[in-house]
Amino acid sequence: SQASNVLLAVDNAILTPALQNPIALGADI
């Protein structure tokens, strides 16, 4: 997504930040 200047949005409702942090992995949203 970054190579194409496109925003990456991740729905994290199933795991929540207690089990997964998409922003730390590179997600924008």
PDB file of all heavy atoms in Angstrom:
ATOM      1  N   SER A   1       0.830  -1.214   0.000  1.00  0.00           N
ATOM      2  CA  SER A   1       0.000   0.000   0.000  1.00  0.00           C
ATOM      3  C   SER A   1       0.857   1.254   0.000  1.00  0.00           C
ATOM      4  O   SER A   1       0.561   2.226  -0.704  1.00  0.00           O
ATOM      5  CB  SER A   1      -0.941  -0.011   1.206  1.00  0.00           C
ATOM      6  OG  SER A   1      -0.237   0.082   2.421  1.00  0.00           O
ATOM      7  N   GLN A   2       1.938   1.253   0.769  1.00  0.00           N
ATOM      8  CA  GLN A   2       2.815   2.422   0.837  1.00  0.00           C
ATOM      9  C   GLN A   2       3.518   2.686  -0.484  1.00  0.00           C
ATOM     10  O   GLN A   2       3.708   3.839  -0.884  1.00  0.00           O
ATOM     11  CB  GLN A   2       3.837   2.235   1.957  1.00  0.00           C
ATOM     12  CG  GLN A   2       3.236   2.304   3.358  1.00  0.00           C
ATOM     13  CD  GLN A   2       4.251   2.026   4.447  1.00  0.00           C
ATOM     14  OE1 GLN A   2       5.450   2.001   4.203  1.00  0.00           O
ATOM     15  NE2 GLN A   2       3.778   1.797   5.661  1.00  0.00           N
ATOM     16  N   ALA A   3       3.873   1.631  -1.181  1.00  0.00           N
ATOM     17  CA  ALA A   3       4.544   1.788  -2.470  1.00  0.00           C
ATOM     18  C   ALA A   3       3.646   2.462  -3.496  1.00  0.00           C
ATOM     19  O   ALA A   3       4.133   3.123  -4.419  1.00  0.00           O
ATOM     20  CB  ALA A   3       5.003   0.429  -2.991  1.00  0.00           C
ATOM     21  N   SER A   4       2.338   2.317  -3.316  1.00  0.00           N
ATOM     22  CA  SER A   4       1.374   2.924  -4.244  1.00  0.00           C
ATOM     23  C   SER A   4       0.681   4.136  -3.636  1.00  0.00           C
ATOM     24  O   SER A   4      -0.264   4.670  -4.235  1.00  0.00           O
ATOM     25  CB  SER A   4       0.324   1.883  -4.659  1.00  0.00           C
ATOM     26  OG  SER A   4       0.922   0.792  -5.319  1.00  0.00           O
ATOM     27  N   ASN A   5       1.116   4.565  -2.452  1.00  0.00           N
ATOM     28  CA  ASN A   5       0.529   5.712  -1.764  1.00  0.00           C
ATOM     29  C   ASN A   5      -0.970   5.524  -1.548  1.00  0.00           C
ATOM     30  O   ASN A   5      -1.777   6.419  -1.785  1.00  0.00           O
ATOM     31  CB  ASN A   5       0.786   7.005  -2.562  1.00  0.00           C
ATOM     32  CG  ASN A   5       0.529   8.249  -1.734  1.00  0.00           C
ATOM     33  OD1 ASN A   5       0.685   8.239  -0.508  1.00  0.00           O
ATOM     34  ND2 ASN A   5       0.129   9.324  -2.393  1.00  0.00           N
ATOM     35  N   VAL A   6      -1.320   4.330  -1.074  1.00  0.00           N
ATOM     36  CA  VAL A   6      -2.712   3.973  -0.810  1.00  0.00           C
ATOM     37  C   VAL A   6      -2.871   3.719   0.689  1.00  0.00           C
ATOM     38  O   VAL A   6      -2.006   3.109   1.321  1.00  0.00           O
ATOM     39  CB  VAL A   6      -3.114   2.705  -1.599  1.00  0.00           C
ATOM     40  CG1 VAL A   6      -4.536   2.285  -1.254  1.00  0.00           C
ATOM     41  CG2 VAL A   6      -2.976   2.947  -3.093  1.00  0.00           C
ATOM     42  N   LEU A   7      -3.971   4.165   1.264  1.00  0.00           N
ATOM     43  CA  LEU A   7      -4.221   3.968   2.690  1.00  0.00           C
ATOM     44  C   LEU A   7      -4.655   2.526   2.966  1.00  0.00           C
ATOM     45  O   LEU A   7      -5.432   1.943   2.197  1.00  0.00           O
ATOM     46  CB  LEU A   7      -5.302   4.925   3.183  1.00  0.00           C
ATOM     47  CG  LEU A   7      -4.948   6.417   3.173  1.00  0.00           C
ATOM     48  CD1 LEU A   7      -6.180   7.248   3.529  1.00  0.00           C
ATOM     49  CD2 LEU A   7      -3.808   6.709   4.148  1.00  0.00           C
ATOM     50  N   LEU A   8      -4.161   1.974   4.062  1.00  0.00           N
ATOM     51  CA  LEU A   8      -4.511   0.615   4.481  1.00  0.00           C
ATOM     52  C   LEU A   8      -5.349   0.686   5.746  1.00  0.00           C
ATOM     53  O   LEU A   8      -4.892   1.172   6.787  1.00  0.00           O
ATOM     54  CB  LEU A   8      -3.245  -0.200   4.728  1.00  0.00           C
ATOM     55  CG  LEU A   8      -3.430  -1.605   5.338  1.00  0.00           C
ATOM     56  CD1 LEU A   8      -4.320  -2.472   4.450  1.00  0.00           C
ATOM     57  CD2 LEU A   8      -2.075  -2.272   5.571  1.00  0.00           C
ATOM     58  N   ALA A   9      -6.590   0.203   5.658  1.00  0.00           N
ATOM     59  CA  ALA A   9      -7.519   0.219   6.795  1.00  0.00           C
ATOM     60  C   ALA A   9      -7.823  -1.204   7.228  1.00  0.00           C
ATOM     61  O   ALA A   9      -8.241  -2.034   6.415  1.00  0.00           O
ATOM     62  CB  ALA A   9      -8.811   0.942   6.423  1.00  0.00           C
ATOM     63  N   VAL A  10      -7.634  -1.482   8.516  1.00  0.00           N
ATOM     64  CA  VAL A  10      -7.818  -2.828   9.055  1.00  0.00           C
ATOM     65  C   VAL A  10      -8.899  -2.816  10.131  1.00  0.00           C
ATOM     66  O   VAL A  10      -8.809  -2.065  11.107  1.00  0.00           O
ATOM     67  CB  VAL A  10      -6.500  -3.369   9.656  1.00  0.00           C
ATOM     68  CG1 VAL A  10      -6.731  -4.737  10.301  1.00  0.00           C
ATOM     69  CG2 VAL A  10      -5.423  -3.464   8.581  1.00  0.00           C
ATOM     70  N   ASP A  11      -9.912  -3.639   9.945  1.00  0.00           N
ATOM     71  CA  ASP A  11     -10.929  -3.854  10.972  1.00  0.00           C
ATOM     72  C   ASP A  11     -10.339  -4.819  11.999  1.00  0.00           C
ATOM     73  O   ASP A  11     -10.032  -5.967  11.681  1.00  0.00           O
ATOM     74  CB  ASP A  11     -12.177  -4.449  10.323  1.00  0.00           C
ATOM     75  CG  ASP A  11     -13.351  -4.588  11.290  1.00  0.00           C
ATOM     76  OD1 ASP A  11     -13.101  -4.843  12.485  1.00  0.00           O
ATOM     77  OD2 ASP A  11     -14.503  -4.479  10.848  1.00  0.00           O
ATOM     78  N   ASN A  12     -10.189  -4.350  13.244  1.00  0.00           N
ATOM     79  CA  ASN A  12      -9.531  -5.119  14.296  1.00  0.00           C
ATOM     80  C   ASN A  12     -10.518  -5.576  15.367  1.00  0.00           C
ATOM     81  O   ASN A  12     -10.120  -5.894  16.490  1.00  0.00           O
ATOM     82  CB  ASN A  12      -8.420  -4.277  14.943  1.00  0.00           C
ATOM     83  CG  ASN A  12      -7.419  -5.099  15.736  1.00  0.00           C
ATOM     84  OD1 ASN A  12      -7.164  -6.254  15.430  1.00  0.00           O
ATOM     85  ND2 ASN A  12      -6.840  -4.498  16.758  1.00  0.00           N
ATOM     86  N   ALA A  13     -11.813  -5.631  15.012  1.00  0.00           N
ATOM     87  CA  ALA A  13     -12.834  -5.919  16.014  1.00  0.00           C
ATOM     88  C   ALA A  13     -12.732  -7.329  16.582  1.00  0.00           C
ATOM     89  O   ALA A  13     -13.055  -7.555  17.750  1.00  0.00           O
ATOM     90  CB  ALA A  13     -14.229  -5.709  15.422  1.00  0.00           C
ATOM     91  N   ILE A  14     -12.270  -8.292  15.788  1.00  0.00           N
ATOM     92  CA  ILE A  14     -12.250  -9.679  16.236  1.00  0.00           C
ATOM     93  C   ILE A  14     -11.175  -9.926  17.295  1.00  0.00           C
ATOM     94  O   ILE A  14     -11.365 -10.726  18.218  1.00  0.00           O
ATOM     95  CB  ILE A  14     -12.049 -10.631  15.039  1.00  0.00           C
ATOM     96  CG1 ILE A  14     -13.224 -10.503  14.052  1.00  0.00           C
ATOM     97  CG2 ILE A  14     -11.906 -12.076  15.494  1.00  0.00           C
ATOM     98  CD1 ILE A  14     -14.572 -10.842  14.644  1.00  0.00           C
ATOM     99  N   LEU A  15     -10.036  -9.240  17.197  1.00  0.00           N
ATOM    100  CA  LEU A  15      -8.945  -9.463  18.154  1.00  0.00           C
ATOM    101  C   LEU A  15      -8.786  -8.343  19.166  1.00  0.00           C
ATOM    102  O   LEU A  15      -8.343  -8.593  20.290  1.00  0.00           O
ATOM    103  CB  LEU A  15      -7.626  -9.674  17.411  1.00  0.00           C
ATOM    104  CG  LEU A  15      -7.492 -10.969  16.614  1.00  0.00           C
ATOM    105  CD1 LEU A  15      -6.104 -11.071  15.999  1.00  0.00           C
ATOM    106  CD2 LEU A  15      -7.763 -12.191  17.478  1.00  0.00           C
ATOM    107  N   THR A  16      -9.119  -7.119  18.789  1.00  0.00           N
ATOM    108  CA  THR A  16      -8.920  -5.923  19.623  1.00  0.00           C
ATOM    109  C   THR A  16      -7.429  -5.659  19.836  1.00  0.00           C
ATOM    110  O   THR A  16      -6.603  -6.536  19.571  1.00  0.00           O
ATOM    111  CB  THR A  16      -9.606  -6.036  21.008  1.00  0.00           C
ATOM    112  OG1 THR A  16      -8.806  -6.823  21.896  1.00  0.00           O
ATOM    113  CG2 THR A  16     -10.999  -6.617  20.899  1.00  0.00           C
ATOM    114  N   PRO A  17      -7.071  -4.485  20.359  1.00  0.00           N
ATOM    115  CA  PRO A  17      -5.642  -4.216  20.602  1.00  0.00           C
ATOM    116  C   PRO A  17      -5.023  -5.116  21.657  1.00  0.00           C
ATOM    117  O   PRO A  17      -3.796  -5.144  21.796  1.00  0.00           O
ATOM    118  CB  PRO A  17      -5.643  -2.746  21.049  1.00  0.00           C
ATOM    119  CG  PRO A  17      -7.024  -2.486  21.536  1.00  0.00           C
ATOM    120  CD  PRO A  17      -7.908  -3.320  20.666  1.00  0.00           C
ATOM    121  N   ALA A  18      -5.829  -5.855  22.393  1.00  0.00           N
ATOM    122  CA  ALA A  18      -5.274  -6.780  23.385  1.00  0.00           C
ATOM    123  C   ALA A  18      -4.510  -7.919  22.721  1.00  0.00           C
ATOM    124  O   ALA A  18      -3.582  -8.479  23.318  1.00  0.00           O
ATOM    125  CB  ALA A  18      -6.386  -7.341  24.266  1.00  0.00           C
ATOM    126  N   LEU A  19      -4.881  -8.260  21.475  1.00  0.00           N
ATOM    127  CA  LEU A  19      -4.255  -9.395  20.792  1.00  0.00           C
ATOM    128  C   LEU A  19      -3.577  -9.020  19.482  1.00  0.00           C
ATOM    129  O   LEU A  19      -2.827  -9.834  18.928  1.00  0.00           O
ATOM    130  CB  LEU A  19      -5.299 -10.484  20.516  1.00  0.00           C
ATOM    131  CG  LEU A  19      -6.018 -11.083  21.733  1.00  0.00           C
ATOM    132  CD1 LEU A  19      -6.994 -12.157  21.294  1.00  0.00           C
ATOM    133  CD2 LEU A  19      -5.028 -11.647  22.733  1.00  0.00           C
ATOM    134  N   GLN A  20      -3.819  -7.815  18.969  1.00  0.00           N
ATOM    135  CA  GLN A  20      -3.221  -7.426  17.687  1.00  0.00           C
ATOM    136  C   GLN A  20      -3.177  -5.908  17.564  1.00  0.00           C
ATOM    137  O   GLN A  20      -4.142  -5.234  17.925  1.00  0.00           O
ATOM    138  CB  GLN A  20      -4.028  -8.018  16.519  1.00  0.00           C
ATOM    139  CG  GLN A  20      -3.530  -7.644  15.136  1.00  0.00           C
ATOM    140  CD  GLN A  20      -4.288  -8.373  14.037  1.00  0.00           C
ATOM    141  OE1 GLN A  20      -3.842  -9.378  13.511  1.00  0.00           O
ATOM    142  NE2 GLN A  20      -5.480  -7.875  13.696  1.00  0.00           N
ATOM    143  N   ASN A  21      -2.076  -5.388  17.039  1.00  0.00           N
ATOM    144  CA  ASN A  21      -1.921  -3.943  16.834  1.00  0.00           C
ATOM    145  C   ASN A  21      -1.572  -3.653  15.380  1.00  0.00           C
ATOM    146  O   ASN A  21      -0.399  -3.585  15.009  1.00  0.00           O
ATOM    147  CB  ASN A  21      -0.836  -3.378  17.753  1.00  0.00           C
ATOM    148  CG  ASN A  21      -1.238  -3.440  19.212  1.00  0.00           C
ATOM    149  OD1 ASN A  21      -0.756  -4.284  19.958  1.00  0.00           O
ATOM    150  ND2 ASN A  21      -2.143  -2.575  19.621  1.00  0.00           N
ATOM    151  N   PRO A  22      -2.577  -3.478  14.527  1.00  0.00           N
ATOM    152  CA  PRO A  22      -2.326  -3.256  13.104  1.00  0.00           C
ATOM    153  C   PRO A  22      -1.466  -2.037  12.797  1.00  0.00           C
ATOM    154  O   PRO A  22      -0.682  -2.063  11.833  1.00  0.00           O
ATOM    155  CB  PRO A  22      -3.741  -3.087  12.525  1.00  0.00           C
ATOM    156  CG  PRO A  22      -4.607  -3.865  13.459  1.00  0.00           C
ATOM    157  CD  PRO A  22      -4.016  -3.629  14.814  1.00  0.00           C
ATOM    158  N   ILE A  23      -1.590  -0.970  13.578  1.00  0.00           N
ATOM    159  CA  ILE A  23      -0.792   0.235  13.311  1.00  0.00           C
ATOM    160  C   ILE A  23       0.691  -0.063  13.488  1.00  0.00           C
ATOM    161  O   ILE A  23       1.530   0.387  12.702  1.00  0.00           O
ATOM    162  CB  ILE A  23      -1.259   1.390  14.212  1.00  0.00           C
ATOM    163  CG1 ILE A  23      -2.627   1.889  13.720  1.00  0.00           C
ATOM    164  CG2 ILE A  23      -0.249   2.539  14.208  1.00  0.00           C
ATOM    165  CD1 ILE A  23      -3.238   2.976  14.563  1.00  0.00           C
ATOM    166  N   ALA A  24       1.036  -0.840  14.499  1.00  0.00           N
ATOM    167  CA  ALA A  24       2.440  -1.214  14.705  1.00  0.00           C
ATOM    168  C   ALA A  24       2.959  -2.066  13.562  1.00  0.00           C
ATOM    169  O   ALA A  24       4.180  -2.114  13.308  1.00  0.00           O
ATOM    170  CB  ALA A  24       2.587  -1.967  16.024  1.00  0.00           C
ATOM    171  N   LEU A  25       2.045  -2.724  12.832  1.00  0.00           N
ATOM    172  CA  LEU A  25       2.422  -3.566  11.703  1.00  0.00           C
ATOM    173  C   LEU A  25       2.397  -2.815  10.378  1.00  0.00           C
ATOM    174  O   LEU A  25       2.699  -3.395   9.336  1.00  0.00           O
ATOM    175  CB  LEU A  25       1.487  -4.778  11.628  1.00  0.00           C
ATOM    176  CG  LEU A  25       1.565  -5.741  12.819  1.00  0.00           C
ATOM    177  CD1 LEU A  25       0.399  -6.719  12.795  1.00  0.00           C
ATOM    178  CD2 LEU A  25       2.885  -6.492  12.808  1.00  0.00           C
ATOM    179  N   GLY A  26       2.017  -1.523  10.423  1.00  0.00           N
ATOM    180  CA  GLY A  26       2.062  -0.706   9.226  1.00  0.00           C
ATOM    181  C   GLY A  26       0.740  -0.215   8.692  1.00  0.00           C
ATOM    182  O   GLY A  26       0.701   0.498   7.686  1.00  0.00           O
ATOM    183  N   ALA A  27      -0.369  -0.566   9.330  1.00  0.00           N
ATOM    184  CA  ALA A  27      -1.670  -0.074   8.872  1.00  0.00           C
ATOM    185  C   ALA A  27      -1.792   1.418   9.137  1.00  0.00           C
ATOM    186  O   ALA A  27      -1.246   1.938  10.116  1.00  0.00           O
ATOM    187  CB  ALA A  27      -2.797  -0.824   9.565  1.00  0.00           C
ATOM    188  N   ASP A  28      -2.524   2.114   8.284  1.00  0.00           N
ATOM    189  CA  ASP A  28      -2.771   3.546   8.472  1.00  0.00           C
ATOM    190  C   ASP A  28      -3.983   3.804   9.348  1.00  0.00           C
ATOM    191  O   ASP A  28      -4.044   4.810  10.052  1.00  0.00           O
ATOM    192  CB  ASP A  28      -2.994   4.215   7.106  1.00  0.00           C
ATOM    193  CG  ASP A  28      -1.812   4.067   6.182  1.00  0.00           C
ATOM    194  OD1 ASP A  28      -0.766   4.677   6.452  1.00  0.00           O
ATOM    195  OD2 ASP A  28      -1.923   3.315   5.186  1.00  0.00           O
ATOM    196  N   ILE A  29      -4.947   2.903   9.273  1.00  0.00           N
ATOM    197  CA  ILE A  29      -6.235   3.104   9.942  1.00  0.00           C
ATOM    198  C   ILE A  29      -6.659   1.805  10.608  1.00  0.00           C
ATOM    199  O   ILE A  29      -6.498   0.720  10.036  1.00  0.00           O
ATOM    200  CB  ILE A  29      -7.317   3.517   8.918  1.00  0.00           C
ATOM    201  CG1 ILE A  29      -6.917   4.807   8.195  1.00  0.00           C
ATOM    202  CG2 ILE A  29      -8.680   3.675   9.595  1.00  0.00           C
ATOM    203  CD1 ILE A  29      -7.633   4.997   6.872  1.00  0.00           C
TER     204      ILE A  29
END
